[in-house]
Protein backbone atom coordinates (compact mmCIF):
# COMPACT_ATOMS: atom_id res chain seq x y z
CA MET A 1 11.58 -9.90 34.95
CA THR A 2 13.03 -8.17 38.00
CA ALA A 3 13.91 -4.50 38.16
CA ARG A 4 17.57 -5.41 38.11
CA GLU A 5 17.09 -7.49 34.93
CA ARG A 6 15.11 -4.70 33.31
CA GLY A 7 17.99 -2.30 33.70
CA SER A 8 20.87 -4.59 32.76
CA PRO A 9 22.95 -4.23 29.59
CA HIS A 10 22.13 -7.89 28.86
CA SER A 11 18.42 -7.01 28.52
CA ILE A 12 19.31 -4.32 25.99
CA ARG A 13 21.26 -6.83 23.92
CA GLN A 14 18.21 -9.10 23.98
CA LEU A 15 16.26 -6.43 22.08
CA GLU A 16 17.97 -7.61 18.90
CA SER A 17 16.05 -10.90 19.13
CA LEU A 18 12.64 -9.24 19.29
CA GLU A 19 10.50 -9.34 16.16
CA SER A 20 10.15 -5.56 16.18
CA MET A 21 13.91 -5.08 16.36
CA GLU A 22 15.12 -7.43 13.61
CA GLY A 23 18.24 -6.31 11.81
CA ILE A 24 19.68 -4.07 14.53
CA VAL A 25 23.45 -4.42 14.48
CA ARG A 26 24.58 -1.04 15.77
CA VAL A 27 22.47 -0.52 18.90
CA GLU A 28 24.31 1.64 21.38
CA PRO A 29 24.07 -0.04 24.81
CA SER A 30 22.04 2.18 27.10
CA VAL A 31 19.89 1.45 30.13
CA PRO A 32 17.55 3.63 32.19
CA SER A 33 19.01 4.93 35.44
CA SER A 34 17.97 3.15 38.61
CA GLY A 35 15.99 6.14 39.86
CA SER A 36 13.98 6.73 36.69
CA LEU A 37 10.39 5.71 35.99
CA LEU A 38 11.46 3.65 32.98
CA TYR A 39 13.64 1.53 35.27
CA ARG A 40 10.52 0.36 37.12
CA LEU A 41 8.28 -0.30 34.10
CA PRO A 42 7.97 -3.89 32.73
CA LYS A 43 9.11 -2.74 29.25
CA GLY A 44 11.22 0.12 30.53
CA ALA A 45 14.42 -1.04 28.82
CA LEU A 46 12.65 -1.33 25.47
CA VAL A 47 11.06 2.13 25.79
CA HIS A 48 14.40 3.62 26.82
CA ALA A 49 16.09 2.01 23.82
CA VAL A 50 13.60 3.14 21.17
CA TYR A 51 12.24 6.52 22.23
CA PRO A 52 15.00 8.76 20.73
CA GLY A 53 14.60 7.29 17.24
CA VAL A 54 10.81 7.22 17.49
CA LEU A 55 10.76 10.90 18.49
CA VAL A 56 12.89 11.81 15.48
CA ALA A 57 10.57 9.85 13.14
CA VAL A 58 7.46 11.46 14.67
CA THR A 59 9.02 14.92 14.35
CA ILE A 60 9.73 14.33 10.67
CA ALA A 61 6.14 13.07 10.24
CA LEU A 62 4.77 16.26 11.83
CA ALA A 63 6.92 18.50 9.62
CA SER A 64 5.95 16.52 6.52
CA SER A 65 2.24 16.72 7.32
CA TRP A 66 2.44 20.49 7.84
CA LEU A 67 4.21 20.99 4.51
CA SER A 68 1.78 18.68 2.73
CA GLN A 69 -1.22 20.61 4.05
CA HIS A 70 0.24 23.98 3.07
CA TYR A 71 1.81 23.10 -0.30
CA GLY A 72 -0.39 20.26 -1.57
CA ALA A 73 2.39 17.72 -2.21
CA PRO A 74 2.12 14.07 -1.06
CA VAL A 75 2.95 13.71 2.61
CA MET A 76 4.70 10.37 2.02
CA LEU A 77 7.12 12.03 -0.38
CA PHE A 78 8.00 14.75 2.12
CA ALA A 79 8.51 12.16 4.87
CA LEU A 80 10.79 10.10 2.64
CA LEU A 81 12.96 13.01 1.55
CA PHE A 82 13.28 14.48 5.05
CA GLY A 83 14.06 11.05 6.46
CA MET A 84 16.79 10.48 3.91
CA ALA A 85 18.33 13.83 4.87
CA PHE A 86 18.76 12.42 8.41
CA HIS A 87 20.27 9.13 7.24
CA PHE A 88 23.32 9.74 9.47
CA LEU A 89 21.17 9.06 12.55
CA HIS A 90 20.79 5.44 11.47
CA GLU A 91 24.50 4.85 11.06
CA GLU A 92 25.19 4.63 14.79
CA GLY A 93 24.10 5.97 18.16
CA ARG A 94 20.98 6.12 20.30
CA CYS A 95 18.50 6.63 17.46
CA VAL A 96 19.17 3.38 15.61
CA ALA A 97 16.89 1.18 17.74
CA GLY A 98 13.97 3.63 17.56
CA ILE A 99 14.32 4.02 13.79
CA GLU A 100 14.19 0.24 13.38
CA PHE A 101 11.20 0.05 15.74
CA SER A 102 9.35 2.75 13.77
CA SER A 103 10.02 1.10 10.41
CA ARG A 104 8.70 -2.26 11.62
CA THR A 105 6.35 -2.28 14.60
CA ILE A 106 4.77 1.15 14.05
CA LEU A 107 4.44 0.30 10.36
CA ARG A 108 2.51 -2.89 11.16
CA ILE A 109 0.19 -1.06 13.52
CA GLY A 110 -0.61 1.45 10.78
CA VAL A 111 -1.32 -1.28 8.24
CA ALA A 112 -3.58 -3.16 10.65
CA LEU A 113 -5.66 -0.02 11.27
CA LEU A 114 -6.31 0.33 7.53
CA GLY A 115 -9.05 -2.26 8.07
CA VAL A 116 -11.42 0.37 9.47
CA ARG A 117 -11.73 1.95 6.00
CA ILE A 118 -13.45 -1.07 4.45
CA THR A 119 -16.85 -2.76 4.87
CA ALA A 120 -18.33 -5.78 3.12
CA GLY A 121 -21.40 -3.72 2.19
CA GLU A 122 -19.34 -1.22 0.21
CA ILE A 123 -17.71 -4.02 -1.71
CA ALA A 124 -21.03 -5.76 -2.48
CA SER A 125 -22.62 -2.52 -3.70
CA LEU A 126 -20.22 -2.34 -6.66
CA GLY A 127 -21.59 -5.39 -8.45
CA VAL A 128 -19.74 -8.33 -10.01
CA VAL A 129 -17.83 -6.73 -12.91
CA PRO A 130 -15.83 -4.18 -10.87
CA VAL A 131 -14.98 -6.86 -8.31
CA LEU A 132 -13.72 -9.25 -10.99
CA THR A 133 -11.85 -6.41 -12.70
CA VAL A 134 -10.08 -5.48 -9.47
CA VAL A 135 -9.19 -9.09 -8.64
CA ALA A 136 -7.85 -9.69 -12.15
CA GLY A 137 -6.00 -6.38 -12.13
CA VAL A 138 -4.28 -7.06 -8.82
CA ALA A 139 -3.30 -10.65 -9.63
CA THR A 140 -2.04 -9.98 -13.15
CA THR A 141 -0.17 -6.78 -12.23
CA ILE A 142 1.81 -8.64 -9.58
CA LEU A 143 2.48 -11.41 -12.11
CA VAL A 144 3.62 -8.84 -14.68
CA GLY A 145 5.89 -7.34 -12.03
CA VAL A 146 7.56 -10.69 -11.39
CA LEU A 147 7.99 -11.50 -15.10
CA VAL A 148 9.24 -8.06 -16.18
CA SER A 149 11.60 -7.86 -13.19
CA ARG A 150 13.30 -11.03 -14.39
CA PHE A 151 13.55 -9.61 -17.91
CA LEU A 152 15.17 -6.45 -16.54
CA GLY A 153 17.56 -8.39 -14.32
CA LEU A 154 15.91 -7.30 -11.07
CA ASN A 155 15.17 -9.41 -8.01
CA ARG A 156 11.76 -11.12 -8.30
CA LEU A 157 10.91 -9.92 -4.79
CA PHE A 158 11.13 -6.37 -6.10
CA GLY A 159 8.64 -7.38 -8.80
CA VAL A 160 6.26 -8.63 -6.11
CA LEU A 161 6.74 -5.48 -4.04
CA SER A 162 6.31 -3.00 -6.90
CA GLY A 163 3.48 -4.96 -8.52
CA GLY A 164 1.55 -5.06 -5.25
CA ALA A 165 2.08 -1.34 -4.68
CA VAL A 166 0.82 -0.44 -8.17
CA ALA A 167 -2.07 -2.90 -8.06
CA ILE A 168 -3.45 -2.24 -4.57
CA CYS A 169 -2.94 1.08 -2.82
CA GLY A 170 0.43 2.61 -3.54
CA ALA A 171 2.75 3.43 -0.66
CA SER A 172 0.58 1.74 2.00
CA ALA A 173 0.62 -1.55 0.08
CA ALA A 174 4.37 -1.26 -0.49
CA LEU A 175 4.95 -0.90 3.24
CA ALA A 176 2.60 -3.79 4.08
CA ILE A 177 4.17 -6.16 1.54
CA ALA A 178 7.70 -5.16 2.52
CA SER A 179 6.94 -6.09 6.12
CA VAL A 180 6.50 -9.77 5.21
CA LEU A 181 9.31 -10.10 2.66
CA PRO A 182 12.55 -11.82 3.77
CA ASN A 183 15.30 -9.63 5.14
CA ARG A 184 17.93 -8.86 2.49
CA ALA A 185 20.64 -6.27 1.94
CA GLU A 186 18.74 -4.26 -0.69
CA GLY A 187 15.29 -4.64 0.90
CA GLU A 188 15.07 -1.19 2.46
CA ARG A 189 16.33 0.48 -0.71
CA ASP A 190 13.74 -1.37 -2.80
CA THR A 191 10.96 -0.25 -0.48
CA ILE A 192 12.02 3.38 -0.73
CA LEU A 193 12.35 3.16 -4.51
CA THR A 194 8.86 1.68 -4.73
CA VAL A 195 7.28 4.32 -2.51
CA VAL A 196 8.97 7.21 -4.35
CA SER A 197 8.11 5.87 -7.80
CA VAL A 198 4.53 4.86 -7.02
CA THR A 199 3.84 8.24 -5.40
CA ALA A 200 5.20 10.12 -8.42
CA LEU A 201 3.27 7.94 -10.89
CA SER A 202 0.08 8.28 -8.85
CA THR A 203 0.36 12.06 -8.77
CA LEU A 204 0.94 12.14 -12.54
CA ALA A 205 -2.07 9.85 -13.08
CA MET A 206 -4.26 12.12 -10.95
CA ILE A 207 -3.54 14.93 -13.39
CA VAL A 208 -3.65 13.00 -16.68
CA TYR A 209 -6.40 10.41 -16.18
CA PRO A 210 -9.36 12.80 -15.64
CA VAL A 211 -8.49 14.47 -18.95
CA PHE A 212 -8.14 11.06 -20.59
CA VAL A 213 -11.56 9.72 -19.48
CA GLY A 214 -13.19 12.89 -20.77
CA ALA A 215 -11.39 12.66 -24.09
CA ILE A 216 -12.56 9.09 -24.74
CA GLY A 217 -16.13 9.85 -23.63
CA LEU A 218 -16.57 7.64 -20.55
CA ASN A 219 -19.72 8.36 -18.54
CA ASP A 220 -19.51 9.13 -14.81
CA MET A 221 -19.81 5.53 -13.63
CA ARG A 222 -17.30 4.12 -16.11
CA ALA A 223 -14.90 6.98 -15.43
CA GLY A 224 -15.16 6.26 -11.70
CA ILE A 225 -14.38 2.57 -12.20
CA PHE A 226 -11.39 3.42 -14.39
CA LEU A 227 -9.97 6.03 -12.00
CA GLY A 228 -10.56 3.91 -8.90
CA GLY A 229 -9.16 0.81 -10.58
CA THR A 230 -5.95 2.34 -11.92
CA ILE A 231 -4.62 5.24 -9.80
CA HIS A 232 -2.30 3.99 -7.09
CA ASP A 233 -2.89 6.02 -3.90
CA VAL A 234 -6.26 6.63 -2.23
CA ALA A 235 -5.79 10.40 -1.94
CA GLN A 236 -5.03 10.77 -5.63
CA VAL A 237 -8.05 8.62 -6.55
CA VAL A 238 -10.33 10.89 -4.54
CA GLY A 239 -8.79 14.01 -6.06
CA ALA A 240 -9.06 12.72 -9.63
CA GLY A 241 -12.61 11.37 -9.20
CA TYR A 242 -14.11 14.57 -7.85
CA MET A 243 -12.37 16.57 -10.57
CA VAL A 244 -14.76 14.86 -13.00
CA SER A 245 -18.02 14.82 -10.98
CA VAL A 246 -19.49 13.87 -7.62
CA GLU A 247 -20.80 10.54 -8.96
CA THR A 248 -17.43 9.73 -10.50
CA GLY A 249 -15.71 10.57 -7.23
CA ASP A 250 -18.05 8.32 -5.22
CA VAL A 251 -17.65 5.36 -7.60
CA ALA A 252 -13.88 5.84 -7.80
CA THR A 253 -13.60 5.86 -4.01
CA TYR A 254 -15.59 2.63 -3.61
CA VAL A 255 -13.58 0.87 -6.32
CA LYS A 256 -10.36 2.04 -4.71
CA LEU A 257 -11.48 0.72 -1.33
CA LEU A 258 -12.12 -2.62 -3.00
CA ARG A 259 -8.49 -2.60 -4.14
CA VAL A 260 -7.44 -1.75 -0.59
CA ALA A 261 -9.46 -4.76 0.61
CA MET A 262 -7.24 -6.93 -1.59
CA LEU A 263 -4.31 -6.03 0.66
CA LEU A 264 -5.18 -8.75 3.19
CA PRO A 265 -5.39 -11.75 0.82
CA VAL A 266 -2.39 -10.58 -1.20
CA VAL A 267 -0.11 -10.12 1.81
CA PHE A 268 -1.43 -13.38 3.28
CA CYS A 269 -0.63 -15.28 0.06
CA ILE A 270 2.84 -13.72 -0.16
CA ALA A 271 3.57 -14.66 3.45
CA LEU A 272 2.28 -18.20 2.84
CA VAL A 273 4.38 -18.74 -0.29
CA LEU A 274 7.52 -17.31 1.27
CA SER A 275 7.06 -19.32 4.47
CA ARG A 276 7.10 -22.50 2.37
CA THR A 277 9.96 -21.51 0.05
CA ASN A 278 12.18 -20.16 2.85
CA LYS A 279 11.95 -23.00 5.37
CA GLY A 280 15.03 -23.08 7.51
CA ALA A 281 16.09 -19.64 6.30
CA GLY A 282 16.53 -18.42 9.84
CA ALA A 283 16.41 -14.66 10.31
CA GLY A 284 16.06 -14.14 6.59
CA GLY A 285 12.88 -16.20 6.34
CA THR A 286 9.33 -14.97 6.51
CA LYS A 287 7.09 -15.62 9.48
CA PHE A 288 3.78 -17.05 8.36
CA PHE A 289 0.60 -15.09 9.02
CA PRO A 290 1.86 -11.96 10.78
CA LEU A 291 -0.36 -10.75 13.61
CA PHE A 292 -0.98 -7.37 12.01
CA LEU A 293 -2.94 -9.16 9.26
CA VAL A 294 -5.18 -10.68 11.94
CA GLY A 295 -5.84 -7.16 13.22
CA PHE A 296 -6.57 -5.91 9.71
CA ALA A 297 -9.10 -8.70 9.08
CA ALA A 298 -10.72 -8.28 12.48
CA LEU A 299 -11.24 -4.54 11.93
CA VAL A 300 -12.82 -5.18 8.51
CA VAL A 301 -15.29 -7.62 10.10
CA VAL A 302 -16.07 -5.34 13.04
CA ASN A 303 -16.57 -2.34 10.78
CA SER A 304 -18.76 -4.37 8.42
CA LEU A 305 -21.01 -5.30 11.33
CA GLY A 306 -21.49 -1.60 12.14
CA LEU A 307 -19.91 -1.89 15.58
CA LEU A 308 -17.61 1.09 15.05
CA SER A 309 -19.06 4.59 15.25
CA PRO A 310 -17.95 7.22 12.69
CA PRO A 311 -15.81 9.08 15.27
CA VAL A 312 -13.99 5.85 16.12
CA VAL A 313 -13.44 5.06 12.44
CA GLY A 314 -12.16 8.59 11.87
CA ALA A 315 -9.81 8.40 14.85
CA ALA A 316 -8.45 4.99 13.79
CA THR A 317 -7.92 6.26 10.24
CA ASP A 318 -5.97 9.25 11.56
CA VAL A 319 -3.83 7.02 13.80
CA SER A 320 -3.17 4.70 10.85
CA ARG A 321 -2.09 7.63 8.69
CA TRP A 322 0.27 8.96 11.37
CA CYS A 323 1.77 5.50 11.91
CA LEU A 324 2.42 5.07 8.19
CA VAL A 325 3.96 8.54 7.81
CA THR A 326 6.16 7.89 10.86
CA ALA A 327 7.21 4.53 9.42
CA ILE A 328 8.06 5.99 6.03
CA ALA A 329 10.14 8.70 7.74
CA ALA A 330 12.06 5.93 9.52
CA LEU A 331 12.53 4.04 6.25
CA GLY A 332 13.88 7.25 4.74
CA MET A 333 16.43 7.51 7.53
CA LYS A 334 17.55 3.96 6.75
CA THR A 335 18.27 4.79 3.09
CA SER A 336 20.83 7.05 1.42
CA PHE A 337 20.56 8.99 -1.85
CA ARG A 338 23.65 7.16 -3.05
CA ASP A 339 21.92 3.79 -2.67
CA LEU A 340 18.92 5.01 -4.67
CA ALA A 341 21.06 6.42 -7.46
CA ALA A 342 22.93 3.13 -7.73
CA ALA A 343 19.70 1.30 -8.58
CA GLY A 344 19.50 2.94 -12.03
CA TRP A 345 16.48 3.31 -14.32
CA ARG A 346 15.23 -0.28 -14.33
CA PRO A 347 13.09 -0.15 -11.15
CA VAL A 348 11.26 2.93 -12.45
CA GLY A 349 10.83 1.29 -15.85
CA LEU A 350 9.33 -1.77 -14.18
CA MET A 351 6.77 0.29 -12.27
CA LEU A 352 5.86 2.25 -15.38
CA ALA A 353 5.20 -1.04 -17.19
CA GLU A 354 3.02 -2.23 -14.31
CA THR A 355 1.09 1.04 -14.35
CA LEU A 356 0.44 0.82 -18.08
CA TRP A 357 -0.65 -2.81 -17.73
CA ILE A 358 -3.30 -2.21 -15.07
CA ALA A 359 -4.55 0.90 -16.90
CA GLY A 360 -5.00 -1.09 -20.13
CA LEU A 361 -6.70 -4.00 -18.37
CA VAL A 362 -9.21 -1.81 -16.53
CA LEU A 363 -9.92 0.23 -19.65
CA VAL A 364 -10.78 -2.94 -21.62
CA SER A 365 -13.08 -4.09 -18.82
CA VAL A 366 -14.83 -0.70 -18.66
CA GLU A 367 -15.28 -0.48 -22.43
CA PHE A 368 -16.58 -3.99 -23.04
CA PHE A 369 -18.12 -5.33 -19.81
CA VAL A 370 -19.61 -2.40 -17.88
């Protein structure tokens, strides 16, 4: 591409066809000036188009992280609420392209980097019963989500999205699954609803479940399996586990990481099924085997082989967290409070049913098979 092509309005319009810019319908035409550095860069037009919206999303992520550290509330919830307060930036203007870019490409980068948190050795150390319990819990919770969503008159894709979020790793799983679902009018709203609900339920479980496992007399190992197999988000699992004991916290963390490891096969299967059922769907279809899943799998393998040093793993984990918080801030900016209120009580009721299902299933496994 020549410098002249890089700076032309036509090249800006072509951004709408890029995978990372799907769904943009209100991009304000803007090109870098001929004397600027961006004008000379190979992707200068893309950077010029997205940087205002990306900066806004990053700023919201920074503010949300600061508040989370000082007040102890979930960072994802802060990012969502702040993002929704700036919904007007997604209605038109220079920020639209960057908000779309953050909610798609930056999201996928964050999900791919989650692979550094998992090793095959950690999974093998748990034994057979916890592995089977997690696999059964994930599969049946998603199935329950699909069935109950039909009963409640909700879209089955919302059942898949909410069931995967409850079964695997909360907000991170919701974002990963949403990235491979077909584009639809209510898709962004459903993602926000799922993230808000799963975060609230996970925080409630972090408070209630440690008291529950003590009341029914579970030992440290069984309590760890229950907490790690039922609470939605990783942070809440860690908090709940170490409230009970160090051993419970360690076991709960390993079991939770096993659930996180299920993210790859679940998203892969969803993408495979949708690619077959949406053939010829055009822009609304799902692209089979997204590249970010390849990155996720590769990082799991590399980390399992011990090729990543602890500082590298820590840095990649931090980058992943920042990418996900930035993406959720962008998703918040794409959603209005009015849209959420219009959804009613049924989505929350569905996720509550999914939460109760996986809790009951894991409790039966712990009581009778561990």
